[in-house]
Every structure is written in C-alpha cells, then in structure tokens.
Protein backbone atom coordinates (compact mmCIF):
# COMPACT_ATOMS: atom_id res chain seq x y z
CA UNK A 1 21.66 6.80 -17.59
CA UNK A 2 19.92 10.30 -17.29
CA UNK A 3 21.69 12.81 -19.14
CA UNK A 4 19.94 15.39 -17.09
CA UNK A 5 20.92 14.41 -13.86
CA UNK A 6 23.51 11.39 -13.66
CA UNK A 7 22.85 11.09 -10.02
CA UNK A 8 19.36 9.82 -10.10
CA UNK A 9 20.18 6.25 -11.26
CA UNK A 10 19.10 3.00 -9.43
CA UNK A 11 19.23 -0.73 -10.09
CA UNK A 12 16.28 -2.99 -9.93
CA UNK A 13 15.87 -6.42 -9.38
CA UNK A 14 12.41 -8.67 -9.88
CA UNK A 15 11.42 -12.69 -10.36
CA UNK A 16 9.00 -14.35 -10.60
CA UNK A 17 6.13 -15.78 -7.90
CA UNK A 18 7.33 -16.69 -3.98
CA UNK A 19 4.96 -19.34 -2.57
CA UNK A 20 6.95 -20.72 0.50
CA UNK A 21 5.59 -23.78 2.67
CA UNK A 22 8.69 -25.02 4.42
CA UNK A 23 9.98 -25.44 8.19
CA UNK A 24 12.25 -22.49 8.14
CA UNK A 25 13.58 -19.28 6.33
CA UNK A 26 17.25 -20.34 6.41
CA UNK A 27 18.45 -19.33 3.25
CA UNK A 28 15.74 -18.99 1.13
CA UNK A 29 16.72 -17.81 -1.93
CA UNK A 30 20.65 -18.61 -1.39
CA UNK A 31 22.86 -17.06 -3.50
CA UNK A 32 20.12 -15.12 -5.48
CA UNK A 33 20.02 -13.43 -1.88
CA UNK A 34 22.85 -11.47 -2.28
CA UNK A 35 22.08 -10.21 -5.76
CA UNK A 36 18.22 -8.82 -4.54
CA UNK A 37 20.06 -7.29 -1.35
CA UNK A 38 22.02 -5.47 -3.73
CA UNK A 39 19.52 -4.20 -6.08
CA UNK A 40 18.71 -0.59 -4.96
CA UNK A 41 14.89 -1.48 -5.82
CA UNK A 42 13.70 -5.56 -5.82
CA UNK A 43 10.42 -6.70 -5.83
CA UNK A 44 8.50 -10.12 -6.53
CA UNK A 45 4.80 -11.57 -6.26
CA UNK A 46 4.25 -13.07 -2.80
CA UNK A 47 2.00 -16.07 -3.98
CA UNK A 48 0.46 -17.35 -0.96
CA UNK A 49 -0.35 -15.73 2.45
CA UNK A 50 2.13 -16.09 5.48
CA UNK A 51 -0.99 -17.24 7.98
CA UNK A 52 -1.88 -19.65 10.50
CA UNK A 53 -5.43 -18.76 10.74
CA UNK A 54 -8.60 -18.99 8.78
CA UNK A 55 -9.84 -22.21 7.16
CA UNK A 56 -10.02 -23.29 3.57
CA UNK A 57 -12.33 -21.53 1.66
CA UNK A 58 -15.07 -24.03 0.14
CA UNK A 59 -14.47 -25.01 -3.48
CA UNK A 60 -10.67 -24.28 -3.16
CA UNK A 61 -9.09 -26.93 -5.38
CA UNK A 62 -5.13 -25.88 -5.38
CA UNK A 63 -4.09 -24.05 -1.72
CA UNK A 64 -1.20 -22.61 -0.42
CA UNK A 65 0.27 -20.63 2.33
CA UNK A 66 3.17 -20.90 4.64
CA UNK A 67 3.93 -20.07 8.10
CA UNK A 68 4.37 -16.26 8.93
CA UNK A 69 7.74 -17.20 10.55
CA UNK A 70 8.85 -17.70 6.46
CA UNK A 71 8.70 -13.58 5.86
CA UNK A 72 12.11 -13.86 7.31
CA UNK A 73 13.40 -15.09 3.99
CA UNK A 74 12.00 -12.32 2.18
CA UNK A 75 13.59 -9.74 5.13
CA UNK A 76 16.97 -11.57 4.75
CA UNK A 77 17.12 -11.09 0.66
CA UNK A 78 16.39 -7.42 1.51
CA UNK A 79 13.32 -7.11 -0.65
CA UNK A 80 11.76 -3.31 -1.16
CA UNK A 81 8.54 -4.74 -1.74
CA UNK A 82 6.07 -7.35 -2.46
CA UNK A 83 2.83 -7.13 -4.65
CA UNK A 84 0.03 -9.50 -2.94
CA UNK A 85 -2.65 -9.59 -5.99
CA UNK A 86 -3.03 -13.12 -6.89
CA UNK A 87 -5.61 -16.29 -6.55
CA UNK A 88 -3.88 -17.72 -3.66
CA UNK A 89 -3.79 -15.15 -1.30
CA UNK A 90 -7.24 -15.35 0.38
CA UNK A 91 -7.25 -19.57 0.00
CA UNK A 92 -7.88 -19.48 3.77
CA UNK A 93 -10.40 -16.47 4.16
CA UNK A 94 -10.02 -12.62 5.42
CA UNK A 95 -8.32 -13.80 8.61
CA UNK A 96 -5.09 -15.39 6.92
CA UNK A 97 -5.40 -11.96 4.50
CA UNK A 98 -5.20 -10.04 7.90
CA UNK A 99 -2.83 -12.13 9.39
CA UNK A 100 -0.26 -11.84 6.09
CA UNK A 101 -1.13 -8.02 6.12
CA UNK A 102 -0.04 -8.07 9.76
CA UNK A 103 3.09 -10.00 9.26
CA UNK A 104 4.39 -8.21 6.37
CA UNK A 105 3.85 -5.05 8.20
CA UNK A 106 5.52 -6.39 11.29
CA UNK A 107 8.86 -6.97 9.02
CA UNK A 108 8.53 -3.57 7.39
CA UNK A 109 7.80 -4.94 4.23
CA UNK A 110 5.54 -2.26 1.84
CA UNK A 111 3.03 -4.05 -0.34
CA UNK A 112 0.39 -3.33 -2.31
CA UNK A 113 -2.36 -5.72 -4.55
CA UNK A 114 -4.68 -6.07 -1.66
CA UNK A 115 -6.38 -4.96 1.63
CA UNK A 116 -9.58 -4.68 3.54
CA UNK A 117 -12.08 -2.70 0.82
CA UNK A 118 -11.16 -1.84 -3.09
CA UNK A 119 -9.71 1.42 -1.80
CA UNK A 120 -7.19 0.06 0.51
CA UNK A 121 -5.95 -2.67 -2.21
CA UNK A 122 -5.22 -0.03 -4.67
CA UNK A 123 -2.98 2.14 -2.36
CA UNK A 124 0.20 2.12 -4.16
CA UNK A 125 3.91 1.29 -3.04
CA UNK A 126 5.86 4.64 -2.99
CA UNK A 127 9.86 4.65 -2.33
CA UNK A 128 12.64 6.49 -2.85
CA UNK A 129 16.08 5.17 -4.70
CA UNK A 130 18.38 6.91 -6.07
CA UNK A 131 17.23 9.77 -5.50
CA UNK A 132 13.91 8.60 -7.69
CA UNK A 133 10.37 7.87 -6.18
CA UNK A 134 9.66 4.65 -7.30
CA UNK A 135 5.77 3.16 -7.46
CA UNK A 136 4.35 -0.48 -7.47
CA UNK A 137 0.66 -1.27 -7.96
CA UNK A 138 -0.65 -4.71 -8.33
CA UNK A 139 -3.74 -6.42 -10.02
CA UNK A 140 -5.12 -9.65 -10.57
CA UNK A 141 -7.53 -11.13 -13.50
CA UNK A 142 -7.42 -14.66 -11.64
CA UNK A 143 -10.00 -14.41 -9.33
CA UNK A 144 -11.68 -16.88 -7.28
CA UNK A 145 -14.82 -16.44 -6.14
CA UNK A 146 -15.14 -14.24 -3.11
CA UNK A 147 -11.37 -12.77 -4.10
CA UNK A 148 -12.11 -9.91 -5.21
CA UNK A 149 -11.89 -6.62 -2.69
CA UNK A 150 -14.96 -4.03 -2.95
CA UNK A 151 -16.63 -1.61 -1.54
CA UNK A 152 -16.50 -2.55 2.50
CA UNK A 153 -15.14 -6.20 1.02
CA UNK A 154 -11.78 -7.53 1.89
CA UNK A 155 -9.98 -9.20 -0.85
CA UNK A 156 -7.32 -8.62 -3.73
CA UNK A 157 -6.93 -5.53 -6.15
CA UNK A 158 -9.22 -7.18 -9.36
CA UNK A 159 -9.08 -6.17 -12.84
CA UNK A 160 -11.67 -8.79 -14.24
CA UNK A 161 -11.20 -10.45 -17.95
CA UNK A 162 -14.08 -12.15 -19.54
CA UNK A 163 -13.89 -14.83 -22.44
CA UNK A 164 -15.42 -15.98 -25.18
CA UNK A 165 -14.95 -19.28 -27.40
CA UNK A 166 -15.86 -19.16 -30.84
CA UNK A 167 -15.70 -22.43 -33.07
CA UNK A 168 -12.68 -22.87 -35.59
CA UNK A 169 -14.90 -25.10 -37.96
CA UNK A 170 -18.17 -26.10 -39.44
CA UNK A 171 -19.08 -28.00 -36.43
CA UNK A 172 -21.71 -29.79 -38.44
CA UNK A 173 -18.18 -31.22 -40.33
CA UNK A 174 -15.91 -30.85 -37.47
CA UNK A 175 -17.20 -31.31 -34.35
CA UNK A 176 -15.64 -31.08 -31.05
CA UNK A 177 -12.85 -29.16 -32.89
CA UNK A 178 -10.80 -26.56 -31.16
CA UNK A 179 -12.22 -23.24 -30.75
CA UNK A 180 -10.95 -19.90 -30.76
CA UNK A 181 -10.28 -18.05 -27.64
CA UNK A 182 -10.65 -14.20 -27.28
CA UNK A 183 -10.14 -12.61 -23.97
CA UNK A 184 -10.57 -8.97 -23.01
CA UNK A 185 -10.57 -6.59 -20.00
CA UNK A 186 -13.81 -5.50 -18.38
CA UNK A 187 -13.40 -1.83 -19.28
CA UNK A 188 -14.58 -0.42 -15.89
CA UNK A 189 -11.64 -2.17 -14.05
CA UNK A 190 -9.34 -0.99 -17.22
CA UNK A 191 -10.32 2.68 -16.70
CA UNK A 192 -9.61 2.06 -13.12
CA UNK A 193 -5.92 0.82 -13.40
CA UNK A 194 -5.36 3.96 -15.93
CA UNK A 195 -6.82 5.94 -13.37
CA UNK A 196 -4.54 4.28 -10.70
CA UNK A 197 -1.44 4.61 -12.59
CA UNK A 198 -1.66 8.18 -13.51
CA UNK A 199 -2.61 9.05 -9.94
CA UNK A 200 1.03 7.46 -8.90
CA UNK A 201 2.72 9.05 -11.89
CA UNK A 202 2.20 12.16 -10.40
CA UNK A 203 3.70 11.05 -6.91
CA UNK A 204 6.95 8.93 -8.67
CA UNK A 205 9.08 9.29 -11.13
CA UNK A 206 8.68 5.60 -12.44
CA UNK A 207 5.82 3.42 -11.94
CA UNK A 208 5.73 -0.27 -11.96
CA UNK A 209 2.73 -3.02 -12.19
CA UNK A 210 2.77 -6.41 -11.18
CA UNK A 211 -0.13 -8.21 -12.94
CA UNK A 212 -1.68 -12.17 -12.30
CA UNK A 213 -2.86 -12.84 -15.75
CA UNK A 214 -3.15 -15.63 -18.03
CA UNK A 215 -3.58 -19.02 -18.29
CA UNK A 216 -1.94 -21.42 -16.34
CA UNK A 217 0.65 -24.10 -17.35
CA UNK A 218 0.33 -22.40 -20.57
CA UNK A 219 3.38 -20.29 -22.56
CA UNK A 220 1.16 -18.00 -25.06
CA UNK A 221 0.43 -14.56 -24.27
CA UNK A 222 -3.79 -13.88 -24.75
CA UNK A 223 -5.21 -10.83 -25.68
CA UNK A 224 -5.94 -9.57 -22.40
CA UNK A 225 -2.30 -9.43 -21.19
CA UNK A 226 -1.59 -7.27 -24.11
CA UNK A 227 -4.30 -5.10 -23.54
CA UNK A 228 -3.81 -4.62 -20.31
CA UNK A 229 -0.05 -4.35 -20.60
CA UNK A 230 -0.26 -1.81 -23.32
CA UNK A 231 -2.99 0.03 -21.12
CA UNK A 232 -0.92 0.67 -17.89
CA UNK A 233 2.63 1.56 -20.15
CA UNK A 234 -0.13 4.27 -22.04
CA UNK A 235 -1.18 5.28 -18.61
CA UNK A 236 2.13 5.82 -17.94
CA UNK A 237 3.66 2.75 -16.15
CA UNK A 238 7.41 2.13 -17.25
CA UNK A 239 7.34 -1.44 -17.11
CA UNK A 240 4.79 -4.40 -16.56
CA UNK A 241 5.38 -7.62 -14.84
CA UNK A 242 2.95 -10.55 -15.54
CA UNK A 243 2.50 -13.87 -13.08
CA UNK A 244 0.34 -17.01 -12.54
CA UNK A 245 1.00 -19.18 -15.50
CA UNK A 246 3.51 -21.49 -14.00
CA UNK A 247 6.02 -21.66 -17.12
CA UNK A 248 8.03 -18.77 -18.80
CA UNK A 249 6.33 -16.41 -20.95
CA UNK A 250 7.64 -13.60 -23.94
CA UNK A 251 8.48 -10.17 -22.94
CA UNK A 252 7.28 -7.66 -24.89
CA UNK A 253 8.13 -3.94 -25.56
CA UNK A 254 5.70 -1.88 -26.42
CA UNK A 255 6.78 1.99 -27.09
CA UNK A 256 9.91 0.76 -25.90
CA UNK A 257 8.70 0.00 -22.74
CA UNK A 258 8.56 -3.57 -21.23
CA UNK A 259 5.60 -5.99 -20.69
CA UNK A 260 7.09 -9.27 -18.79
CA UNK A 261 4.15 -11.73 -19.26
CA UNK A 262 5.45 -14.09 -16.65
CA UNK A 263 8.59 -15.37 -15.37
CA UNK A 264 7.51 -18.48 -14.19
CA UNK A 265 7.99 -20.01 -10.09
CA UNK A 266 10.95 -18.87 -8.38
CA UNK A 267 9.68 -20.77 -5.25
CA UNK A 268 6.81 -22.90 -5.14
CA UNK A 269 7.28 -25.34 -1.97
CA UNK A 270 3.97 -26.92 -2.91
CA UNK A 271 3.98 -29.35 -6.22
CA UNK A 272 0.78 -29.46 -7.97
CA UNK A 273 -0.06 -32.45 -9.91
CA UNK A 274 -0.02 -31.03 -12.87
CA UNK A 275 3.29 -29.19 -12.87
CA UNK A 276 6.15 -30.37 -15.32
CA UNK A 277 9.76 -30.02 -15.62
CA UNK A 278 8.67 -26.53 -17.10
CA UNK A 279 7.48 -25.21 -14.16
CA UNK A 280 11.38 -25.03 -12.69
CA UNK A 281 12.38 -22.62 -15.30
CA UNK A 282 12.43 -19.27 -14.57
CA UNK A 283 14.48 -16.49 -14.72
CA UNK A 284 15.05 -12.61 -12.79
CA UNK A 285 15.44 -9.77 -14.86
CA UNK A 286 17.11 -6.68 -13.82
CA UNK A 287 18.37 -3.23 -14.95
CA UNK A 288 18.68 0.23 -14.36
CA UNK A 289 16.62 3.08 -13.46
CA UNK A 290 16.39 6.55 -14.55
CA UNK A 291 13.72 9.44 -14.69
CA UNK A 292 13.78 8.04 -18.18
CA UNK A 293 12.73 4.51 -17.25
CA UNK A 294 14.59 1.00 -17.67
CA UNK A 295 17.34 0.19 -19.18
CA UNK A 296 20.63 -2.15 -19.48
CA UNK A 297 17.63 -4.98 -19.03
CA UNK A 298 19.02 -8.10 -18.35
CA UNK A 299 18.17 -12.09 -17.42
CA UNK A 300 19.46 -14.45 -15.29
CA UNK A 301 18.40 -18.37 -15.78
CA UNK A 302 17.48 -19.92 -12.64
CA UNK A 303 15.72 -22.97 -11.61
CA UNK A 304 13.05 -22.88 -9.35
CA UNK A 305 13.53 -23.78 -5.46
CA UNK A 306 11.19 -26.51 -4.62
CA UNK A 307 11.42 -26.77 -0.59
CA UNK A 308 15.31 -25.28 -1.00
CA UNK A 309 16.77 -22.16 -2.52
CA UNK A 310 16.62 -21.09 -6.36
CA UNK A 311 19.59 -21.63 -8.15
CA UNK A 312 21.18 -19.44 -10.61
CA UNK A 313 22.36 -21.32 -14.32
CA UNK A 314 24.76 -20.52 -16.59
CA UNK A 315 22.98 -18.84 -19.97
CA UNK A 316 25.77 -20.67 -22.03
CA UNK A 317 24.72 -23.85 -21.37
CA UNK A 318 22.82 -26.96 -19.88
CA UNK A 319 19.50 -26.06 -18.45
CA UNK A 320 20.27 -21.88 -18.62
CA UNK A 321 21.11 -22.37 -22.35
CA UNK A 322 17.46 -23.75 -22.19
CA UNK A 323 15.73 -20.96 -20.38
CA UNK A 324 17.92 -18.36 -22.98
CA UNK A 325 16.77 -20.15 -26.34
CA UNK A 326 13.06 -20.55 -25.23
CA UNK A 327 13.16 -16.93 -24.12
CA UNK A 328 14.39 -15.88 -27.25
CA UNK A 329 11.78 -18.09 -29.31
CA UNK A 330 9.00 -16.85 -26.89
CA UNK A 331 9.63 -13.01 -27.41
CA UNK A 332 11.20 -12.68 -31.11
CA UNK A 333 7.20 -11.62 -32.68
CA UNK A 334 6.90 -9.39 -29.96
CA UNK A 335 9.68 -6.98 -30.28
CA UNK A 336 12.35 -8.33 -28.32
CA UNK A 337 15.79 -9.25 -28.63
CA UNK A 338 17.49 -11.70 -25.79
CA UNK A 339 20.98 -12.64 -26.96
CA UNK A 340 24.23 -13.68 -25.01
CA UNK A 341 26.41 -10.52 -24.75
CA UNK A 342 29.89 -11.45 -22.51
CA UNK A 343 28.47 -13.85 -20.40
CA UNK A 344 25.42 -11.75 -19.13
CA UNK A 345 21.75 -12.09 -21.20
CA UNK A 346 20.52 -8.79 -22.70
CA UNK A 347 16.72 -8.69 -23.30
CA UNK A 348 16.09 -5.16 -25.60
CA UNK A 349 13.91 -3.80 -28.48
CA UNK A 350 14.62 -5.15 -31.98
CA UNK A 351 16.68 -2.90 -33.78
C-alpha cells in the first residue's frame, strides 16, 4: 500500500489471449467472470476480430474471428479495457477491423493497439481506478503482411523485430545442424514505444504495456522480448504483459517490476492442428496497484476455455499444481520466486 496516500490503491487482474468463436456469449468466462468483475482494473488481449464483414486475407494460413454478439461476454465479465494488437485482428481485412472497433465502442469497452492509422493505433487507454490514473498501450511484433498500421494505413500498432540464424557448428563437419537464433527490435520502433510510454506516464500514475511477441508453441523467452520488456520499464512502465505463444512462459522481474512473457490461451475456440495439451494450460495474474506500482502479485492456474468457460484449478494438486511447478521452473532464472502460500500462488522477486 502507498504510505503517502493509502486511499490511492486498487486491485487488478489480467489473463491470457481471448479468441471467442462460439454460438453464445452466455457464461463465456464461467466462474472467472466474477474475479474479473471484482477487480478494480481488468484487461486482456482480444485475439480475434468480432465481425461478420470482410474477406479472408490472401495467404493467411491460420484465421480467427467471432460474431460481434460475443462482445457481450467481455461486458458480462466486466473487462475495463482490451488490447487488440495481434496477428489475427486483420485476418478478414480492414472491414473486419472497423466493425470490431465499432462493436467495442458500442459496448463501452476501451481498447488500444489498432486503428485506422499509426497514430490511432498508438492511442492509449487511460482510466481512473481507486484514485489512480491507469494507462494501457499495446503493440505487436507478430506482423502478417499488411497488418501493421502506418501513416494513413489501418492496422495494428507495430514493434517490428529482426531475426538472424548463425550456425552453431562447422557446417562442413556438421551439415544441417541447428542454428543459434538472435532477435532484436527495430531501433526506430523501440524509440517510438519508449516515447509513447514516457508521454503516457506524464498523464497517468501507472502504465501497463501489452506486447504480442515470441514464437508460437515455444516456452522459451527470446532476446527481443527481454529487450522490449526492459526498455518499456526503463521508459516508465510499471509492468509488461505478453502473449501469442499459446503456451506458458516465464515471469521476469526487472528493476523490481514484472515482465510476464506469456500467460497462455484463456479462451481459444478454434483449435489449430499444432495445438497440444500445453495450449490448455493458462493462468490469471492479479495484485494491488498504488502510486509506486504493483504489489501482492499472485497467479491463479486455470484450464483454457475451448467452446466453453475456462476453469480455475487448485494450485495444490492435479493440473493446477503442474502449472505452478512449470512456472517455478521457467521463472527462477529470471529473478522470480513462485510459491504456494496459504492456498495462494505468490509471485515475487527472488530475495
């Protein structure tokens, strides 16, 4: 709690990627809906368009969208905001993007991370909760051709990444051996993100950043994720939350502030051929907010909702315990302690 002004405090809750495509929004989040409603500030990434308009973009191997009526599930769960910077928002082109934005506006759900041009896509959400002004920005490094917003170009808020592959061994002696993969953010995009955060920090007490990044179906944290996450915190963000990988990944602490590399899929109704049991593992992350940042962080292990509601799991046994153990393993080398205390899974910096 903030000692200077104890009144300025609020709770928050976030979860994994949400891609609904079902007949009804009724009880979309099941028992988790109350948890999101009870939080003073809750948000997540909306992974697909909510639209019936547009045509599938040429060359799009994977596609996701749901009917606009499914926005009622987000309303019922009480989400305060959503990020929409991801690689599926424009699967059915600009008309689908336009209808999604219109649908969210009609439902009074603030959003950030996409728009009718780059300036629109960078426009943050700013809300007041518990006497605190909370800001949210969203970016995507996963950019199918034509998805990035630009001057006069609709799309998602881009933070481009470059990749190189260096042979691990002498290829004359070890042909076809695996490479070392290096990734890094495009400098001008990283500068733009830092400027966006600094500008938002002048308007808000706390800045949250969502980033769609990493490699699909990979638990590993890549170089560009740490570069972007740490740069965001250096620029003034109190926390960075990531998604896209479909599987769990580490929670890192940098300068005492969390970088959550992936919480998995929270709702994902269209099952891809490459999905496995690991894509059903997910968690919510919650805690307290004050003027100094985040505290009392805890995670709630869950099972992804596929055609139904996601389900909370016990952290002490079964699938829930497996998730806790995995997160302990993934996160320990990134300065994070994850442990079960009095039935709650506490998340804190080591030491």
